[in-house]
Amino acid sequence: MKTRKCCWTCTARKIQCDGALPTCMKCARSQRECEGYELRLSWPREGDKKRALKGIDAPAMMTIGTSNKITVNPFFVNATSHDMELYGYSSLQNQQCHTTPSFPRLLRQPQLGVVHMDPDLFHHFQNFAYRSLVTFGQNTGKIRNALMSMALARDTTSGLALFHALLAYASLHRHGLNEQAVKLKIQAIHYLSASVTSEALVLHVGKAAQHVAASMVLGAFEIMQPSEGSGEWLWHTWGAVDMIHATQLKDEPHDSGVGHLLDWAYYHETQSRFALHHWRHKSLIPSTSTKQHSRLQGLQYPPLTRYRPNIPPVNPTYAILNLLSEVCDTLVDQRDPRSQNESYQNRLKDLGGRVRDISVKTAIPSTADPDAAFAVELYQMATQIYLVRASQSPWEPPANLDTLVEAAFAGPVQSCSCEHFFPLLILACEAQRDEQRIGIINLIERTQRDVRIRSIQAVKNTIQSIWVQQDLHKDDDVLVDYLGILSSAISSSNTVPSFA
């Protein structure tokens, strides 16, 4: 397809465009935002006779059997071959457990333009890059202060690992993926590996905290990459949680610098539970020798099966994370015979009641910390919707969540940007009407313009895939399997995505 020679801004102004890349110089001189040259979809305006032409109506079609004829009004779904393959797997209703194949995608090659060491990378992290750290229920400034105080103590191997991890993160934030950032990341990993063998981390709380901090920053590095990344955020998060439970860090006060660090790690660990619950690939263990494979077969998700964060349930921030973690551990496929057990159904009802009973406004006044209160309310709403949808059989009528969903689309979807991707994903699954999907698209665009927030492209791709699957199921008169569609879309990525 040919590239447009005129940007959309100049087209709207009805002036000649100079066609400069990546943005038009005329827009720059007039201090206007250049809307670029990308392809757009358009529909005829009402009363526009020139563009209101249409083809001959398709005849009634779809016959089932030989005697019963069902007339269906045809409509078009914007689907690719990738979507059709995914639909073919997700529509296998009789197969209880199946593995969704991975569809490889071509990733953009890293730009190796920045090779020198910027002397002010540390200051860039201190003043700007820290804002892109994904936290929940706490100010990123507290995480920054804890990280910087630990990184400045470079008299330990763990401290050096954290220092280089911060520089790598700052370089990635400032220049995008580049050679300098990759080299700093590799140095941080080498120091991190050396600290495990050379330092008594179990006996030294300070060194253990530096090790956890370095692991979390390296995980943040992977999450912030504009592509799907390597999925290494999962290993860094698990490594951090492993270290927390192998040492005395879990006994540190929650209002201390180390406590803020632990809350950060536990939040990403909870999100890994959600992603893995929908990950259908057979194993996350890297390829190893046959001798090692038999030993590792039962250790696919060690931190998730051995540990549960021990954080105070009184604070709604911790309560909703505990409940989301418990929901992910409890849910089973509705085709599984265990889903019919009375004890399982009672536990789901108990979880639903506990999610609804979380009182955010009394525990976190909006005047004291509006961002934290708003984030917890969004998570509460999304967790409630997710629990109801995921625990319901596809053969039953869908639960009536109209009041809750309409409140979300009338409020947060219309006005905010989305710092946390889990509520966005859950609300996007509820967008059935065109105006609701437009609201989600506008929300994504507002989020993309927020420089604090990392790339949302991977989540956007997942949402679009879910919408296509929902439309294909409706078009083919197939039962819409909430868990199946969500799992298929998430598993179609090359790596486990983060919805933190």
Protein backbone atom coordinates (compact mmCIF):
# COMPACT_ATOMS: atom_id res chain seq x y z
CA MET A 1 0.00 0.00 0.00
CA LYS A 2 1.34 3.42 -0.95
CA THR A 3 2.36 5.83 1.78
CA ARG A 4 0.38 9.06 2.02
CA LYS A 5 2.20 12.17 0.81
CA CYS A 6 0.15 14.58 2.91
CA CYS A 7 -0.25 14.41 6.69
CA TRP A 8 -3.74 14.37 8.17
CA THR A 9 -3.27 17.78 9.83
CA CYS A 10 -2.48 19.51 6.51
CA THR A 11 -5.31 17.57 4.86
CA ALA A 12 -7.77 18.91 7.43
CA ARG A 13 -6.38 22.46 6.92
CA LYS A 14 -6.62 22.00 3.13
CA ILE A 15 -3.04 23.13 2.53
CA GLN A 16 -0.12 21.50 0.74
CA CYS A 17 2.07 19.31 2.96
CA ASP A 18 5.86 19.06 2.60
CA GLY A 19 5.77 15.32 3.40
CA ALA A 20 8.70 15.49 5.84
CA LEU A 21 9.30 12.49 8.10
CA PRO A 22 8.59 11.63 10.80
CA THR A 23 6.46 14.78 11.13
CA CYS A 24 5.54 17.56 8.73
CA MET A 25 7.68 20.74 8.94
CA LYS A 26 4.67 22.95 8.24
CA CYS A 27 2.97 21.60 11.34
CA ALA A 28 6.14 22.22 13.34
CA ARG A 29 6.42 25.83 12.13
CA SER A 30 2.76 26.51 12.91
CA GLN A 31 3.14 24.77 16.30
CA ARG A 32 0.45 22.24 15.49
CA GLU A 33 0.48 18.55 16.32
CA CYS A 34 1.21 16.55 13.19
CA GLU A 35 -1.20 13.62 13.00
CA GLY A 36 1.12 11.65 10.72
CA TYR A 37 0.62 9.75 7.48
CA GLU A 38 -0.80 6.45 8.70
CA LEU A 39 -3.83 4.81 7.13
CA ARG A 40 -7.22 5.64 8.64
CA LEU A 41 -10.62 4.06 8.35
CA SER A 42 -13.49 6.30 7.30
CA TRP A 43 -17.21 5.93 6.82
CA PRO A 44 -19.65 7.93 4.62
CA ARG A 45 -21.16 10.96 6.27
CA GLU A 46 -24.91 10.99 6.60
CA GLY A 47 -26.41 12.36 3.39
CA ASP A 48 -23.14 12.05 1.44
CA LYS A 49 -24.49 10.57 -1.79
CA LYS A 50 -21.05 10.37 -3.39
CA ARG A 51 -19.74 7.96 -0.76
CA ALA A 52 -23.00 6.26 0.12
CA LEU A 53 -22.73 3.76 -2.73
CA LYS A 54 -22.78 0.14 -1.69
CA GLY A 55 -22.64 -3.23 -3.36
CA ILE A 56 -25.51 -5.61 -4.00
CA ASP A 57 -26.90 -7.04 -0.79
CA ALA A 58 -25.65 -10.55 -0.13
CA PRO A 59 -28.33 -13.23 -0.24
CA ALA A 60 -29.55 -14.89 2.92
CA MET A 61 -27.18 -17.68 3.84
CA MET A 62 -26.18 -20.13 6.57
CA THR A 63 -28.10 -23.35 6.42
CA ILE A 64 -27.71 -25.90 9.18
CA GLY A 65 -28.60 -29.43 8.22
CA THR A 66 -30.90 -30.04 5.28
CA SER A 67 -34.26 -28.86 6.54
CA ASN A 68 -33.77 -26.03 9.04
CA LYS A 69 -32.72 -22.79 7.38
CA ILE A 70 -31.49 -19.88 9.45
CA THR A 71 -31.27 -16.45 7.87
CA VAL A 72 -28.33 -14.41 9.07
CA ASN A 73 -27.64 -10.77 8.30
CA PRO A 74 -24.00 -10.77 7.20
CA PHE A 75 -21.54 -8.29 8.66
CA PHE A 76 -17.81 -7.87 8.32
CA VAL A 77 -15.21 -8.46 11.01
CA ASN A 78 -11.81 -6.82 10.66
CA ALA A 79 -9.82 -10.03 11.16
CA THR A 80 -6.41 -11.19 9.96
CA SER A 81 -5.17 -14.71 9.24
CA HIS A 82 -3.60 -14.70 12.71
CA ASP A 83 -7.03 -13.97 14.23
CA MET A 84 -8.66 -16.75 12.22
CA GLU A 85 -6.05 -19.28 13.36
CA LEU A 86 -6.60 -18.19 16.94
CA TYR A 87 -10.37 -18.49 16.50
CA GLY A 88 -9.96 -22.00 15.16
CA TYR A 89 -8.24 -23.07 18.36
CA SER A 90 -10.51 -21.21 20.78
CA SER A 91 -13.69 -22.62 19.18
CA LEU A 92 -12.77 -26.24 19.97
CA GLN A 93 -15.55 -26.63 22.54
CA ASN A 94 -15.17 -30.35 23.08
CA GLN A 95 -11.47 -30.21 23.92
CA GLN A 96 -11.05 -29.42 27.60
CA CYS A 97 -7.35 -28.68 27.74
CA HIS A 98 -5.29 -27.61 24.77
CA THR A 99 -2.16 -25.65 24.17
CA THR A 100 -2.35 -22.51 22.06
CA PRO A 101 0.57 -22.39 19.62
CA SER A 102 2.89 -19.46 19.66
CA PHE A 103 2.68 -17.30 16.54
CA PRO A 104 6.10 -15.69 16.06
CA ARG A 105 6.13 -12.01 15.22
CA LEU A 106 8.92 -9.98 13.72
CA LEU A 107 10.30 -7.63 16.34
CA ARG A 108 11.85 -4.31 15.49
CA GLN A 109 15.63 -4.41 15.60
CA PRO A 110 17.15 -2.33 18.43
CA GLN A 111 18.63 1.01 17.46
CA LEU A 112 22.27 0.94 18.42
CA GLY A 113 22.88 4.64 18.23
CA VAL A 114 23.87 5.58 21.77
CA VAL A 115 27.12 3.93 22.75
CA HIS A 116 28.71 6.45 25.08
CA MET A 117 28.13 6.61 28.82
CA ASP A 118 25.96 9.59 29.75
CA PRO A 119 27.32 11.10 32.98
CA ASP A 120 23.86 12.22 34.06
CA LEU A 121 21.93 8.95 33.68
CA PHE A 122 21.65 8.66 37.43
CA HIS A 123 20.21 12.18 37.60
CA HIS A 124 17.82 11.32 34.77
CA PHE A 125 16.48 8.45 36.84
CA GLN A 126 16.23 10.69 39.90
CA ASN A 127 14.27 13.41 38.10
CA PHE A 128 12.34 11.70 35.29
CA ALA A 129 12.69 7.95 34.70
CA TYR A 130 11.43 6.88 38.13
CA ARG A 131 7.94 8.11 37.22
CA SER A 132 7.58 5.24 34.75
CA LEU A 133 8.05 2.58 37.44
CA VAL A 134 4.80 0.65 37.75
CA THR A 135 3.64 0.71 41.37
CA PHE A 136 0.27 0.23 43.03
CA GLY A 137 -1.17 2.13 45.96
CA GLN A 138 2.04 4.01 46.67
CA ASN A 139 3.92 7.02 45.39
CA THR A 140 6.73 6.25 42.93
CA GLY A 141 8.81 8.86 44.76
CA LYS A 142 9.04 6.53 47.77
CA ILE A 143 10.32 3.72 45.57
CA ARG A 144 12.82 6.11 43.96
CA ASN A 145 14.17 7.25 47.33
CA ALA A 146 14.58 3.67 48.54
CA LEU A 147 16.32 2.58 45.32
CA MET A 148 18.70 5.53 45.19
CA SER A 149 19.76 5.22 48.82
CA MET A 150 20.55 1.54 48.27
CA ALA A 151 22.31 2.16 44.94
CA LEU A 152 24.63 4.79 46.37
CA ALA A 153 26.09 2.19 48.73
CA ARG A 154 28.23 0.59 46.05
CA ASP A 155 30.53 -1.20 48.46
CA THR A 156 28.75 -4.53 47.82
CA THR A 157 28.22 -6.64 44.73
CA SER A 158 24.45 -6.30 45.17
CA GLY A 159 24.84 -2.53 45.35
CA LEU A 160 26.78 -2.52 42.07
CA ALA A 161 24.07 -4.66 40.47
CA LEU A 162 21.42 -2.15 41.54
CA PHE A 163 23.50 0.83 40.41
CA HIS A 164 24.00 -0.59 36.90
CA ALA A 165 20.35 -1.65 36.72
CA LEU A 166 19.26 1.93 37.47
CA LEU A 167 21.59 3.28 34.78
CA ALA A 168 20.28 0.73 32.27
CA TYR A 169 16.69 1.68 33.07
CA ALA A 170 17.48 5.39 32.78
CA SER A 171 19.22 4.86 29.43
CA LEU A 172 16.26 2.88 28.09
CA HIS A 173 13.84 5.53 29.31
CA ARG A 174 15.87 8.37 27.81
CA HIS A 175 17.02 6.93 24.47
CA GLY A 176 14.87 3.87 23.84
CA LEU A 177 16.43 0.46 23.28
CA ASN A 178 20.12 1.04 22.58
CA GLU A 179 23.51 -0.59 22.94
CA GLN A 180 24.40 1.33 26.10
CA ALA A 181 21.24 0.22 27.90
CA VAL A 182 21.81 -3.41 26.91
CA LYS A 183 25.44 -3.35 28.10
CA LEU A 184 24.46 -1.81 31.43
CA LYS A 185 21.73 -4.40 31.86
CA ILE A 186 24.18 -7.25 31.18
CA GLN A 187 26.63 -5.80 33.71
CA ALA A 188 23.85 -5.59 36.28
CA ILE A 189 22.93 -9.24 35.69
CA HIS A 190 26.56 -10.31 36.09
CA TYR A 191 26.84 -8.46 39.41
CA LEU A 192 23.49 -9.89 40.51
CA SER A 193 24.62 -13.42 39.74
CA ALA A 194 27.93 -12.86 41.53
CA SER A 195 26.18 -11.55 44.64
CA VAL A 196 24.36 -14.85 45.12
CA THR A 197 27.61 -16.81 45.39
CA SER A 198 29.92 -14.21 46.95
CA GLU A 199 27.74 -12.53 49.60
CA ALA A 200 25.94 -13.87 52.65
CA LEU A 201 22.57 -12.50 51.58
CA VAL A 202 20.57 -14.63 54.00
CA LEU A 203 22.37 -13.13 56.98
CA HIS A 204 22.61 -9.53 55.75
CA VAL A 205 19.30 -7.69 55.33
CA GLY A 206 20.90 -4.70 53.57
CA LYS A 207 22.57 -6.78 50.87
CA ALA A 208 19.42 -8.86 50.40
CA ALA A 209 17.38 -5.66 49.94
CA GLN A 210 19.85 -4.44 47.30
CA HIS A 211 19.55 -7.79 45.51
CA VAL A 212 15.74 -7.57 45.49
CA ALA A 213 15.87 -3.95 44.31
CA ALA A 214 18.23 -4.83 41.43
CA SER A 215 15.96 -7.71 40.37
CA MET A 216 12.89 -5.47 40.37
CA VAL A 217 14.60 -2.71 38.36
CA LEU A 218 15.75 -5.28 35.80
CA GLY A 219 12.17 -6.53 35.64
CA ALA A 220 11.00 -2.94 35.10
CA PHE A 221 13.55 -2.67 32.28
CA GLU A 222 11.94 -5.63 30.49
CA ILE A 223 8.40 -4.34 31.05
CA MET A 224 9.23 -0.90 29.65
CA GLN A 225 10.57 -2.21 26.33
CA PRO A 226 8.34 -1.12 23.44
CA SER A 227 8.20 -4.61 21.94
CA GLU A 228 6.89 -7.75 23.62
CA GLY A 229 10.26 -8.08 25.28
CA SER A 230 11.86 -11.32 26.30
CA GLY A 231 9.54 -12.20 29.16
CA GLU A 232 12.45 -11.94 31.58
CA TRP A 233 10.40 -9.64 33.83
CA LEU A 234 8.81 -12.83 35.14
CA TRP A 235 12.13 -14.39 36.15
CA HIS A 236 13.35 -11.19 37.80
CA THR A 237 10.10 -10.86 39.76
CA TRP A 238 10.22 -14.46 40.89
CA GLY A 239 13.88 -14.06 41.84
CA ALA A 240 13.02 -11.03 43.96
CA VAL A 241 10.19 -12.87 45.76
CA ASP A 242 12.42 -15.92 46.26
CA MET A 243 15.04 -13.69 47.90
CA ILE A 244 12.42 -12.03 50.13
CA HIS A 245 11.26 -15.36 51.51
CA ALA A 246 14.76 -16.83 51.80
CA THR A 247 15.89 -13.95 54.02
CA GLN A 248 14.48 -11.86 56.86
CA LEU A 249 13.20 -9.12 54.54
CA LYS A 250 9.58 -10.22 54.91
CA ASP A 251 9.75 -9.14 58.56
CA GLU A 252 10.69 -5.54 57.72
CA PRO A 253 8.13 -2.80 58.63
CA HIS A 254 5.73 -1.98 55.80
CA ASP A 255 6.21 1.77 56.19
CA SER A 256 10.00 1.59 55.74
CA GLY A 257 12.01 1.93 52.54
CA VAL A 258 12.45 -1.84 52.37
CA GLY A 259 8.72 -2.21 53.05
CA HIS A 260 7.88 -0.08 50.02
CA LEU A 261 10.23 -2.24 47.97
CA LEU A 262 8.46 -5.42 49.14
CA ASP A 263 5.04 -3.98 48.25
CA TRP A 264 6.36 -3.23 44.77
CA ALA A 265 7.62 -6.81 44.36
CA TYR A 266 4.39 -8.34 45.67
CA TYR A 267 2.30 -6.27 43.25
CA HIS A 268 4.18 -7.59 40.21
CA GLU A 269 4.12 -11.10 41.67
CA THR A 270 0.32 -10.88 41.87
CA GLN A 271 0.14 -9.76 38.25
CA SER A 272 2.32 -12.71 37.25
CA ARG A 273 -0.30 -15.02 38.80
CA PHE A 274 -2.99 -13.53 36.55
CA ALA A 275 -0.86 -13.78 33.40
CA LEU A 276 0.18 -17.37 34.14
CA HIS A 277 -3.41 -18.40 34.90
CA HIS A 278 -4.18 -17.66 31.24
CA TRP A 279 -0.87 -18.86 29.76
CA ARG A 280 -1.52 -22.08 27.84
CA HIS A 281 1.96 -23.02 26.76
CA LYS A 282 3.27 -26.19 28.27
CA SER A 283 6.22 -24.91 30.25
CA LEU A 284 8.11 -21.77 31.14
CA ILE A 285 11.31 -23.68 31.86
CA PRO A 286 14.09 -22.86 29.37
CA SER A 287 15.46 -25.75 27.38
CA THR A 288 17.97 -27.70 29.46
CA SER A 289 19.72 -31.01 29.31
CA THR A 290 17.70 -34.22 29.75
CA LYS A 291 19.34 -34.83 33.11
CA GLN A 292 18.23 -31.44 34.41
CA HIS A 293 14.77 -31.59 32.81
CA SER A 294 13.46 -34.40 35.03
CA ARG A 295 14.57 -32.49 38.12
CA LEU A 296 12.90 -29.25 37.00
CA GLN A 297 9.60 -30.63 35.71
CA GLY A 298 7.76 -30.02 38.96
CA LEU A 299 9.23 -26.55 39.48
CA GLN A 300 7.57 -24.56 36.72
CA TYR A 301 6.18 -21.82 38.95
CA PRO A 302 8.00 -22.18 42.30
CA PRO A 303 7.33 -18.77 43.85
CA LEU A 304 3.65 -18.94 42.95
CA THR A 305 3.06 -22.31 44.55
CA ARG A 306 5.28 -21.93 47.61
CA TYR A 307 4.64 -18.38 48.65
CA ARG A 308 1.77 -16.04 49.28
CA PRO A 309 2.53 -12.45 50.29
CA ASN A 310 1.92 -11.89 54.00
CA ILE A 311 0.72 -8.30 53.90
CA PRO A 312 -1.83 -6.57 56.15
CA PRO A 313 -5.39 -7.19 54.91
CA VAL A 314 -6.77 -4.07 56.61
CA ASN A 315 -5.32 -1.69 54.02
CA PRO A 316 -7.51 -1.97 50.87
CA THR A 317 -4.42 -1.75 48.66
CA TYR A 318 -3.10 -4.97 50.14
CA ALA A 319 -6.56 -6.52 50.46
CA ILE A 320 -7.41 -6.25 46.77
CA LEU A 321 -4.01 -7.69 45.76
CA ASN A 322 -4.49 -10.60 48.17
CA LEU A 323 -7.96 -11.24 46.76
CA LEU A 324 -6.86 -11.03 43.12
CA SER A 325 -4.05 -13.45 43.90
CA GLU A 326 -6.52 -15.79 45.62
CA VAL A 327 -8.96 -15.54 42.70
CA CYS A 328 -6.25 -16.57 40.23
CA ASP A 329 -5.29 -19.53 42.42
CA THR A 330 -8.93 -20.63 42.88
CA LEU A 331 -10.48 -20.38 39.40
CA VAL A 332 -10.74 -23.53 37.29
CA ASP A 333 -12.15 -24.01 33.81
CA GLN A 334 -15.92 -24.43 33.86
CA ARG A 335 -15.55 -27.63 31.81
CA ASP A 336 -13.49 -29.07 34.66
CA PRO A 337 -15.60 -31.39 36.89
CA ARG A 338 -14.16 -29.65 39.96
CA SER A 339 -16.12 -26.52 39.03
CA GLN A 340 -19.35 -28.30 40.00
CA ASN A 341 -18.25 -29.06 43.56
CA GLU A 342 -20.30 -27.33 46.22
CA SER A 343 -17.16 -26.32 48.13
CA TYR A 344 -15.77 -24.63 45.01
CA GLN A 345 -18.99 -22.72 44.40
CA ASN A 346 -19.11 -21.62 48.04
CA ARG A 347 -15.55 -20.38 47.86
CA LEU A 348 -16.35 -18.32 44.77
CA LYS A 349 -19.31 -16.73 46.56
CA ASP A 350 -17.09 -15.97 49.53
CA LEU A 351 -14.46 -14.37 47.29
CA GLY A 352 -17.10 -12.28 45.53
CA GLY A 353 -18.45 -11.01 48.82
CA ARG A 354 -14.99 -10.12 50.12
CA VAL A 355 -14.18 -8.19 46.93
CA ARG A 356 -17.42 -6.19 47.17
CA ASP A 357 -16.95 -5.48 50.88
CA ILE A 358 -13.60 -3.70 50.50
CA SER A 359 -14.12 -0.15 51.72
CA VAL A 360 -11.77 2.16 49.85
CA LYS A 361 -13.13 5.59 50.75
CA THR A 362 -12.99 5.10 54.50
CA ALA A 363 -9.46 3.63 54.48
CA ILE A 364 -7.95 5.89 51.80
CA PRO A 365 -9.67 9.30 51.72
CA SER A 366 -9.59 10.71 48.20
CA THR A 367 -8.38 14.03 49.59
CA ALA A 368 -5.34 12.39 51.19
CA ASP A 369 -4.16 10.30 48.23
CA PRO A 370 -6.55 10.55 45.25
CA ASP A 371 -4.39 8.50 42.87
CA ALA A 372 -4.09 5.58 45.30
CA ALA A 373 -7.82 5.62 46.09
CA PHE A 374 -8.74 5.76 42.41
CA ALA A 375 -6.35 2.90 41.52
CA VAL A 376 -7.76 0.64 44.25
CA GLU A 377 -11.36 1.41 43.20
CA LEU A 378 -10.52 0.50 39.60
CA TYR A 379 -8.86 -2.73 40.69
CA GLN A 380 -11.82 -3.57 42.92
CA MET A 381 -14.25 -3.07 40.04
CA ALA A 382 -12.09 -5.03 37.57
CA THR A 383 -11.54 -7.91 40.02
CA GLN A 384 -15.27 -8.14 40.69
CA ILE A 385 -16.08 -8.28 36.96
CA TYR A 386 -13.29 -10.76 36.26
CA LEU A 387 -14.37 -13.12 39.06
CA VAL A 388 -17.99 -13.19 37.89
CA ARG A 389 -17.18 -13.65 34.20
CA ALA A 390 -14.39 -16.20 34.65
CA SER A 391 -16.37 -18.38 37.08
CA GLN A 392 -19.50 -18.54 34.92
CA SER A 393 -20.21 -21.39 32.53
CA PRO A 394 -20.47 -20.40 28.85
CA TRP A 395 -23.74 -22.38 28.70
CA GLU A 396 -25.38 -20.13 31.29
CA PRO A 397 -26.92 -16.71 30.56
CA PRO A 398 -24.31 -14.00 31.21
CA ALA A 399 -24.46 -12.38 34.62
CA ASN A 400 -26.04 -8.94 34.77
CA LEU A 401 -23.17 -6.56 35.44
CA ASP A 402 -24.68 -3.71 33.44
CA THR A 403 -24.77 -1.26 36.35
CA LEU A 404 -21.11 -1.86 37.24
CA VAL A 405 -19.95 -1.80 33.61
CA GLU A 406 -21.95 1.29 32.65
CA ALA A 407 -20.56 3.14 35.68
CA ALA A 408 -17.03 2.32 34.51
CA PHE A 409 -17.64 3.46 30.94
CA ALA A 410 -19.43 6.62 32.07
CA GLY A 411 -16.68 7.57 34.53
CA PRO A 412 -13.05 6.35 34.42
CA VAL A 413 -13.06 5.29 30.76
CA GLN A 414 -14.15 8.77 29.65
CA SER A 415 -11.82 10.88 31.75
CA CYS A 416 -8.62 9.19 32.92
CA SER A 417 -5.46 7.70 31.50
CA CYS A 418 -4.71 4.12 32.50
CA GLU A 419 -1.53 3.69 34.50
CA HIS A 420 -2.44 0.07 35.35
CA PHE A 421 -3.20 -2.31 32.50
CA PHE A 422 -5.17 -5.04 34.32
CA PRO A 423 -8.34 -2.93 34.79
CA LEU A 424 -8.04 -1.72 31.19
CA LEU A 425 -7.93 -5.30 29.88
CA ILE A 426 -10.93 -6.41 31.96
CA LEU A 427 -13.04 -3.38 31.00
CA ALA A 428 -12.10 -3.83 27.33
CA CYS A 429 -13.54 -7.36 27.46
CA GLU A 430 -16.86 -5.79 28.48
CA ALA A 431 -16.91 -3.36 25.53
CA GLN A 432 -19.59 -4.89 23.32
CA ARG A 433 -21.06 -1.77 21.68
CA ASP A 434 -19.24 0.49 19.23
CA GLU A 435 -19.38 3.52 21.54
CA GLN A 436 -17.86 1.45 24.37
CA ARG A 437 -15.00 0.28 22.16
CA ILE A 438 -14.43 3.84 20.98
CA GLY A 439 -14.20 4.84 24.64
CA ILE A 440 -11.52 2.17 25.23
CA ILE A 441 -9.59 3.29 22.12
CA ASN A 442 -9.70 6.91 23.30
CA LEU A 443 -8.51 5.78 26.74
CA ILE A 444 -5.57 3.96 25.13
CA GLU A 445 -4.69 7.05 23.08
CA ARG A 446 -4.74 9.25 26.20
CA THR A 447 -2.50 6.73 27.92
CA GLN A 448 -0.07 6.73 24.99
CA ARG A 449 0.29 10.52 25.29
CA ASP A 450 1.22 10.26 28.98
CA VAL A 451 5.03 10.26 29.00
CA ARG A 452 5.11 8.65 32.46
CA ILE A 453 3.49 5.44 31.25
CA ARG A 454 5.37 2.71 29.40
CA SER A 455 4.39 1.43 25.96
CA ILE A 456 0.83 0.12 25.85
CA GLN A 457 1.14 -1.46 22.40
CA ALA A 458 1.25 -5.09 23.61
CA VAL A 459 -1.91 -4.61 25.68
CA LYS A 460 -3.56 -2.83 22.76
CA ASN A 461 -2.79 -5.81 20.51
CA THR A 462 -4.28 -8.20 23.08
CA ILE A 463 -7.46 -6.11 23.37
CA GLN A 464 -7.90 -5.95 19.61
CA SER A 465 -7.42 -9.72 19.38
CA ILE A 466 -10.07 -10.26 22.07
CA TRP A 467 -12.56 -8.04 20.24
CA VAL A 468 -12.01 -9.91 16.98
CA GLN A 469 -12.51 -13.26 18.73
CA GLN A 470 -15.72 -12.03 20.36
CA ASP A 471 -17.05 -10.83 16.99
CA LEU A 472 -16.09 -14.06 15.24
CA HIS A 473 -17.85 -16.13 17.90
CA LYS A 474 -20.99 -14.04 17.53
CA ASP A 475 -20.86 -14.24 13.74
CA ASP A 476 -20.54 -18.03 13.84
CA ASP A 477 -23.22 -18.41 16.53
CA VAL A 478 -20.70 -20.07 18.87
CA LEU A 479 -20.86 -19.80 22.64
CA VAL A 480 -18.56 -17.06 23.87
CA ASP A 481 -16.12 -18.65 26.30
CA TYR A 482 -14.75 -15.81 28.46
CA LEU A 483 -11.79 -17.73 29.87
CA GLY A 484 -11.03 -19.37 26.53
CA ILE A 485 -10.93 -16.12 24.55
CA LEU A 486 -8.92 -14.31 27.22
CA SER A 487 -6.43 -17.17 27.49
CA SER A 488 -6.07 -17.53 23.72
CA ALA A 489 -5.38 -13.83 23.24
CA ILE A 490 -2.84 -13.69 26.07
CA SER A 491 -1.15 -16.92 24.98
CA SER A 492 -0.75 -15.73 21.39
CA SER A 493 2.11 -13.49 22.51
CA ASN A 494 5.64 -14.79 22.20
CA THR A 495 6.26 -14.20 25.91
CA VAL A 496 4.19 -13.88 29.06
CA PRO A 497 2.88 -10.29 29.05
CA SER A 498 2.70 -8.06 32.10
CA PHE A 499 -0.60 -6.34 32.87
CA ALA A 500 0.78 -4.44 35.86
